[in-house]
Amino acid sequence: MSSNLSPIDTAKFVAAKRAVDFIEDGMRVGLGTGSTAAWMVRCLGERVREEGLKISGVPTSTRTAELARQVGIKVVSLDEARWLDVTIDGADEFDADLNLIKGGGGALLQEKIVATASDMMIVISDSSKQVEHLGAFPLPVEIIPFGWQTSKALLEETLASLDVLGQSGTLRMNGDSPYVTDEGNHIVDLHLQRIGNPRQLSMVLNQIPGVVENGLFIDICDKVVIGHQGGRVEVIDINEGTHDEGLIEFAETDNLFTDI
């Protein structure tokens, strides 16, 4: 990777660097999946190497586990950790109540399990992910492969009675084949445009036979750290009702900005 970061990568990096400041020695940390979460894993690995920070990381995907090991983070399973102090992850969208859409990276099931097994969830993001209403980003729904066409049809039929603008879904593909999650499932992306009642939608979707989980994270996120290209960082705490700002000063170093 070039040492000259794009504006969007700079925003992701400063958000990740601010978020890992919340990590303390001895913590059990959920490690998210996706491009923004990858910056966090690298930043956390830098603290492990340079400060001797001792933590246990619970990854939410096989690719996050691989990256964490490569940067020196001790990786354990959720069953070993049992409960986590904090999870840090990205999001595809978040609203003013810190409700989220996640799953663009295909790991929503493990991400939701890990996040709900944590005392705190911190989301790292750039400002483009902040929306007035969820739904512009397609909502991922993980379904079992058996009878997937029936599950997709039931999803679309159910949407007709809910407060959404769009009612179509597409099976996520990986080339010419259906995308397969770490659990061996498929994902249907629902094109809703606008979600009027995320809580109701989440509850209804999970009642459909064949559905494993959906990408709406309701009442799970505690803080959002928003990075901006100039190094400015906002921290929104939904529990404390605070909105703080700061500036991250950094030098682009080879050890952090090299592709792993």
Protein backbone atom coordinates (compact mmCIF):
# COMPACT_ATOMS: atom_id res chain seq x y z
CA MET A 1 0.00 0.00 0.00
CA SER A 2 1.23 3.48 -0.75
CA SER A 3 2.01 5.66 2.24
CA ASN A 4 -0.29 8.30 0.75
CA LEU A 5 -3.73 7.42 2.04
CA SER A 6 -6.90 8.35 0.21
CA PRO A 7 -9.30 10.67 2.07
CA ILE A 8 -11.65 7.78 2.86
CA ASP A 9 -8.82 5.58 4.17
CA THR A 10 -7.55 8.46 6.28
CA ALA A 11 -11.00 8.83 7.83
CA LYS A 12 -11.20 5.11 8.54
CA PHE A 13 -7.72 5.07 10.02
CA VAL A 14 -8.18 7.98 12.43
CA ALA A 15 -11.50 6.51 13.60
CA ALA A 16 -9.79 3.17 14.22
CA LYS A 17 -6.85 4.78 16.00
CA ARG A 18 -9.17 6.69 18.34
CA ALA A 19 -11.30 3.62 19.03
CA VAL A 20 -8.39 1.44 20.16
CA ASP A 21 -7.61 4.05 22.84
CA PHE A 22 -10.58 2.57 24.71
CA ILE A 23 -8.79 -0.79 24.98
CA GLU A 24 -7.00 -1.51 28.27
CA ASP A 25 -4.57 -4.19 29.35
CA GLY A 26 -6.19 -7.55 30.03
CA MET A 27 -9.36 -6.88 28.03
CA ARG A 28 -11.18 -9.44 25.91
CA VAL A 29 -11.95 -7.69 22.64
CA GLY A 30 -14.32 -8.55 19.82
CA LEU A 31 -12.68 -7.85 16.47
CA GLY A 32 -15.01 -6.83 13.65
CA THR A 33 -14.91 -7.61 9.96
CA GLY A 34 -14.61 -5.32 6.95
CA SER A 35 -12.34 -2.65 5.54
CA THR A 36 -12.76 -0.23 8.46
CA ALA A 37 -12.38 -2.98 11.07
CA ALA A 38 -9.16 -4.07 9.36
CA TRP A 39 -7.67 -0.67 10.19
CA MET A 40 -8.68 -1.20 13.81
CA VAL A 41 -7.00 -4.62 13.93
CA ARG A 42 -3.80 -3.09 12.55
CA CYS A 43 -3.91 -0.22 15.06
CA LEU A 44 -4.55 -2.63 17.91
CA GLY A 45 -1.69 -4.83 16.72
CA GLU A 46 0.57 -1.77 16.79
CA ARG A 47 -0.31 -1.19 20.46
CA VAL A 48 0.36 -4.85 21.23
CA ARG A 49 3.78 -4.69 19.61
CA GLU A 50 4.90 -1.25 20.78
CA GLU A 51 3.26 -1.00 24.23
CA GLY A 52 3.19 -4.65 25.23
CA LEU A 53 -0.61 -4.46 25.53
CA LYS A 54 -1.94 -7.85 26.60
CA ILE A 55 -5.39 -8.62 25.24
CA SER A 56 -7.36 -11.52 23.85
CA GLY A 57 -9.11 -10.98 20.54
CA VAL A 58 -12.28 -12.76 19.41
CA PRO A 59 -12.55 -12.38 15.62
CA THR A 60 -15.87 -12.27 13.78
CA SER A 61 -14.60 -13.97 10.62
CA THR A 62 -11.81 -16.19 9.38
CA ARG A 63 -10.18 -13.29 7.52
CA THR A 64 -10.17 -11.11 10.65
CA ALA A 65 -8.65 -14.00 12.62
CA GLU A 66 -5.88 -14.32 10.04
CA LEU A 67 -5.10 -10.60 10.11
CA ALA A 68 -5.15 -10.48 13.92
CA ARG A 69 -2.63 -13.30 14.19
CA GLN A 70 -0.39 -11.65 11.61
CA VAL A 71 -0.23 -8.39 13.58
CA GLY A 72 0.49 -10.15 16.88
CA ILE A 73 -2.91 -10.23 18.60
CA LYS A 74 -3.70 -13.32 20.67
CA VAL A 75 -6.76 -14.93 19.10
CA VAL A 76 -9.24 -16.96 21.15
CA SER A 77 -12.72 -18.28 20.47
CA LEU A 78 -15.85 -16.77 22.00
CA ASP A 79 -16.35 -20.02 23.90
CA GLU A 80 -12.91 -19.57 25.46
CA ALA A 81 -13.48 -15.89 26.28
CA ARG A 82 -17.13 -16.49 27.30
CA TRP A 83 -17.83 -12.75 27.71
CA LEU A 84 -16.13 -9.68 26.23
CA ASP A 85 -15.26 -6.27 27.58
CA VAL A 86 -15.73 -4.51 24.26
CA THR A 87 -16.28 -5.16 20.56
CA ILE A 88 -15.04 -2.75 17.90
CA ASP A 89 -16.52 -3.08 14.43
CA GLY A 90 -17.57 -1.07 11.41
CA ALA A 91 -21.06 -0.46 10.04
CA ASP A 92 -22.65 0.03 6.66
CA GLU A 93 -25.10 2.61 8.04
CA PHE A 94 -26.01 4.11 11.40
CA ASP A 95 -28.76 6.51 12.48
CA ALA A 96 -29.15 9.05 15.29
CA ASP A 97 -30.17 6.29 17.74
CA LEU A 98 -27.04 4.31 16.79
CA ASN A 99 -29.11 1.60 15.16
CA LEU A 100 -27.01 -0.08 12.49
CA ILE A 101 -27.09 -1.96 9.24
CA LYS A 102 -24.20 -4.43 9.09
CA GLY A 103 -23.30 -7.41 6.97
CA GLY A 104 -21.90 -5.84 3.83
CA GLY A 105 -18.80 -7.92 4.45
CA GLY A 106 -20.82 -11.09 4.85
CA ALA A 107 -20.13 -11.74 8.55
CA LEU A 108 -23.29 -10.38 10.19
CA LEU A 109 -24.13 -13.53 12.19
CA GLN A 110 -20.80 -13.81 13.98
CA GLU A 111 -20.66 -10.02 14.31
CA LYS A 112 -24.03 -9.90 16.06
CA ILE A 113 -23.23 -12.82 18.37
CA VAL A 114 -19.90 -11.26 19.39
CA ALA A 115 -21.35 -7.75 19.80
CA THR A 116 -24.18 -8.93 22.03
CA ALA A 117 -21.71 -10.90 24.15
CA SER A 118 -19.87 -7.66 25.02
CA ASP A 119 -20.22 -5.07 27.74
CA MET A 120 -19.77 -2.38 25.09
CA MET A 121 -19.91 -2.11 21.32
CA ILE A 122 -17.95 0.63 19.58
CA VAL A 123 -18.57 1.31 15.89
CA ILE A 124 -15.90 2.98 13.79
CA SER A 125 -16.97 4.79 10.65
CA ASP A 126 -16.46 7.61 8.24
CA SER A 127 -19.12 10.31 7.98
CA SER A 128 -20.71 8.85 4.84
CA LYS A 129 -22.24 6.02 6.91
CA GLN A 130 -24.33 8.39 9.06
CA VAL A 131 -27.91 8.56 7.75
CA GLU A 132 -31.25 10.04 8.80
CA HIS A 133 -33.08 6.80 8.04
CA LEU A 134 -31.63 3.33 7.58
CA GLY A 135 -32.26 1.49 4.35
CA ALA A 136 -30.32 3.06 1.48
CA PHE A 137 -27.70 0.36 2.01
CA PRO A 138 -29.15 -3.08 1.17
CA LEU A 139 -30.09 -5.00 4.31
CA PRO A 140 -28.34 -8.40 4.44
CA VAL A 141 -30.33 -11.39 5.66
CA GLU A 142 -28.50 -14.66 6.26
CA ILE A 143 -30.52 -17.72 5.22
CA ILE A 144 -29.81 -21.45 5.10
CA PRO A 145 -29.13 -22.85 1.61
CA PHE A 146 -32.01 -25.36 1.75
CA GLY A 147 -35.02 -23.86 0.01
CA TRP A 148 -33.35 -20.48 -0.39
CA GLN A 149 -35.67 -19.45 -3.21
CA THR A 150 -38.67 -20.07 -0.96
CA SER A 151 -37.05 -18.08 1.85
CA LYS A 152 -36.34 -15.22 -0.55
CA ALA A 153 -39.95 -15.23 -1.76
CA LEU A 154 -41.23 -15.22 1.83
CA LEU A 155 -38.97 -12.29 2.66
CA GLU A 156 -40.28 -10.26 -0.26
CA GLU A 157 -43.87 -11.16 0.52
CA THR A 158 -43.43 -10.13 4.16
CA LEU A 159 -41.99 -6.75 3.18
CA ALA A 160 -45.28 -5.79 1.55
CA SER A 161 -46.89 -5.32 4.97
CA LEU A 162 -44.00 -3.39 6.58
CA ASP A 163 -42.90 0.24 6.64
CA VAL A 164 -40.30 0.09 3.86
CA LEU A 165 -40.16 1.66 0.41
CA GLY A 166 -38.56 -1.21 -1.51
CA GLN A 167 -39.60 -4.87 -1.47
CA SER A 168 -37.08 -6.71 -3.62
CA GLY A 169 -34.21 -8.98 -2.66
CA THR A 170 -31.21 -10.43 -4.48
CA LEU A 171 -29.15 -13.48 -3.63
CA ARG A 172 -25.58 -12.35 -2.98
CA MET A 173 -23.17 -13.94 -5.42
CA ASN A 174 -19.47 -14.75 -5.44
CA GLY A 175 -18.72 -14.84 -9.14
CA ASP A 176 -21.05 -17.40 -10.69
CA SER A 177 -21.89 -19.10 -7.39
CA PRO A 178 -23.91 -17.99 -4.35
CA TYR A 179 -21.87 -16.30 -1.65
CA VAL A 180 -21.24 -18.66 1.29
CA THR A 181 -20.76 -17.34 4.83
CA ASP A 182 -18.37 -18.80 7.39
CA GLU A 183 -21.34 -20.83 8.69
CA GLY A 184 -22.10 -22.24 5.22
CA ASN A 185 -25.18 -20.08 4.65
CA HIS A 186 -26.30 -17.70 1.89
CA ILE A 187 -27.18 -14.00 2.07
CA VAL A 188 -30.16 -12.23 0.52
CA ASP A 189 -29.71 -8.46 0.24
CA LEU A 190 -33.01 -6.60 0.66
CA HIS A 191 -33.31 -3.35 -1.31
CA LEU A 192 -35.56 -1.35 1.02
CA GLN A 193 -34.48 2.25 0.27
CA ARG A 194 -35.92 3.46 3.58
CA ILE A 195 -36.77 1.57 6.80
CA GLY A 196 -39.50 3.26 8.82
CA ASN A 197 -39.42 0.95 11.86
CA PRO A 198 -36.11 -0.94 12.17
CA ARG A 199 -37.05 -2.68 15.42
CA GLN A 200 -40.28 -4.11 14.00
CA LEU A 201 -38.58 -5.13 10.77
CA SER A 202 -35.82 -6.98 12.60
CA MET A 203 -38.26 -8.94 14.74
CA VAL A 204 -40.49 -9.90 11.80
CA LEU A 205 -37.67 -11.00 9.50
CA ASN A 206 -36.26 -13.39 12.08
CA GLN A 207 -39.60 -15.21 12.31
CA ILE A 208 -39.44 -16.35 8.68
CA PRO A 209 -38.47 -20.04 8.28
CA GLY A 210 -35.01 -20.36 6.76
CA VAL A 211 -33.81 -17.00 8.09
CA VAL A 212 -30.83 -17.29 10.44
CA GLU A 213 -30.28 -13.60 11.26
CA ASN A 214 -30.59 -10.14 9.75
CA GLY A 215 -28.17 -7.22 9.59
CA LEU A 216 -30.14 -4.78 11.74
CA PHE A 217 -28.30 -4.11 15.01
CA ILE A 218 -30.84 -2.52 17.35
CA ASP A 219 -29.88 -1.29 20.86
CA ILE A 220 -26.47 -2.96 20.58
CA CYS A 221 -24.10 -0.09 19.73
CA ASP A 222 -22.92 2.15 22.62
CA LYS A 223 -20.47 4.50 20.89
CA VAL A 224 -19.73 5.57 17.34
CA VAL A 225 -16.33 6.97 16.43
CA ILE A 226 -16.50 8.98 13.20
CA GLY A 227 -13.30 9.79 11.35
CA HIS A 228 -12.77 12.64 8.91
CA GLN A 229 -10.09 13.04 6.26
CA GLY A 230 -8.31 15.89 8.05
CA GLY A 231 -7.76 13.81 11.20
CA ARG A 232 -10.79 15.15 13.07
CA VAL A 233 -12.64 12.53 15.09
CA GLU A 234 -16.11 12.61 16.67
CA VAL A 235 -17.16 10.28 19.49
CA ILE A 236 -20.90 9.86 20.05
CA ASP A 237 -21.90 8.06 23.26
CA ILE A 238 -25.59 7.11 23.21
CA ASN A 239 -25.64 6.13 26.90
CA GLU A 240 -23.97 9.28 28.22
CA GLY A 241 -25.64 11.54 25.68
CA THR A 242 -22.29 13.10 24.76
CA HIS A 243 -20.73 14.19 21.49
CA ASP A 244 -17.00 14.91 21.73
CA GLU A 245 -14.50 15.94 19.09
CA GLY A 246 -10.74 15.69 18.85
CA LEU A 247 -7.86 15.58 16.40
CA ILE A 248 -5.68 12.58 15.65
CA GLU A 249 -2.14 13.48 14.61
CA PHE A 250 -0.29 10.70 12.88
CA ALA A 251 2.63 9.87 10.65
CA GLU A 252 2.12 7.22 8.00
CA THR A 253 4.60 4.53 8.98
CA ASP A 254 5.66 1.52 6.95
CA ASN A 255 4.82 -1.00 9.67
CA LEU A 256 1.15 0.04 9.86
CA PHE A 257 0.42 0.94 6.25
CA THR A 258 1.94 -2.08 4.57
CA ASP A 259 -0.48 -4.63 3.16
CA ILE A 260 -0.44 -7.80 5.22
